[in-house]
């Protein structure tokens, strides 16, 4: 319910990662790119597995 509400408020699709530690993984990916271990974020895209999606309800977004 909260994820759907967030998607509605932002008016954007919300992707739900498999890992509960996705924030830490994201920080590590940014650090790896900054240090030159990966050349772009696209290299790390396959490391994050998406298990769910929430599409915004534009009628609720307009409120």
Protein backbone atom coordinates (compact mmCIF):
# COMPACT_ATOMS: atom_id res chain seq x y z
CA UNK A 1 0.00 0.00 0.00
CA UNK A 2 2.77 2.47 0.89
CA UNK A 3 4.68 1.78 -2.29
CA UNK A 4 1.57 2.39 -4.38
CA UNK A 5 0.94 5.64 -2.53
CA UNK A 6 4.52 6.76 -3.20
CA UNK A 7 4.16 5.89 -6.88
CA UNK A 8 0.90 7.85 -7.05
CA UNK A 9 2.40 10.90 -5.30
CA UNK A 10 5.48 10.99 -7.51
CA UNK A 11 3.61 10.11 -10.69
CA UNK A 12 6.37 7.63 -11.52
CA UNK A 13 6.73 3.88 -11.83
CA UNK A 14 8.19 2.38 -8.66
CA UNK A 15 10.40 -0.70 -8.99
CA UNK A 16 10.71 -3.11 -6.05
CA UNK A 17 14.13 -4.78 -5.76
CA UNK A 18 14.54 -8.36 -4.55
CA UNK A 19 17.14 -7.36 -1.96
CA UNK A 20 16.28 -5.48 1.20
CA UNK A 21 19.80 -4.04 1.01
CA UNK A 22 19.29 -2.35 -2.37
CA UNK A 23 20.20 1.06 -0.96
CA UNK A 24 23.62 -0.19 0.16
CA UNK A 25 24.10 -1.92 -3.20
CA UNK A 26 23.25 1.32 -4.98
CA UNK A 27 25.80 3.22 -2.89
CA UNK A 28 28.43 0.58 -3.68
CA UNK A 29 27.67 0.83 -7.40
CA UNK A 30 28.06 4.63 -7.32
CA UNK A 31 31.38 4.23 -5.48
CA UNK A 32 32.59 1.62 -7.98
CA UNK A 33 31.85 3.98 -10.86
CA UNK A 34 33.57 6.88 -9.09
CA UNK A 35 36.66 4.72 -8.56
CA UNK A 36 36.66 3.54 -12.17
CA UNK A 37 35.89 -0.12 -11.42
CA UNK A 38 32.87 0.08 -13.76
CA UNK A 39 32.50 2.46 -16.67
CA UNK A 40 28.75 3.12 -16.37
CA UNK A 41 25.68 2.36 -14.31
CA UNK A 42 24.47 0.16 -17.17
CA UNK A 43 27.15 -2.40 -16.28
CA UNK A 44 25.56 -2.87 -12.86
CA UNK A 45 21.95 -3.00 -14.09
CA UNK A 46 21.96 -6.83 -14.12
CA UNK A 47 23.07 -6.96 -10.49
CA UNK A 48 19.70 -5.68 -9.24
CA UNK A 49 16.76 -8.05 -9.60
CA UNK A 50 13.32 -6.43 -9.72
CA UNK A 51 10.50 -8.45 -8.14
CA UNK A 52 7.63 -5.97 -8.41
CA UNK A 53 6.40 -2.79 -10.02
CA UNK A 54 3.87 -0.16 -9.03
CA UNK A 55 2.37 2.00 -11.75
CA UNK A 56 1.03 5.42 -10.69
CA UNK A 57 -2.68 6.09 -10.78
CA UNK A 58 -2.75 9.45 -12.53
CA UNK A 59 -6.16 10.29 -11.06
CA UNK A 60 -4.69 10.06 -7.53
CA UNK A 61 -1.53 11.86 -8.66
CA UNK A 62 -3.60 14.90 -9.64
CA UNK A 63 -4.94 15.31 -6.08
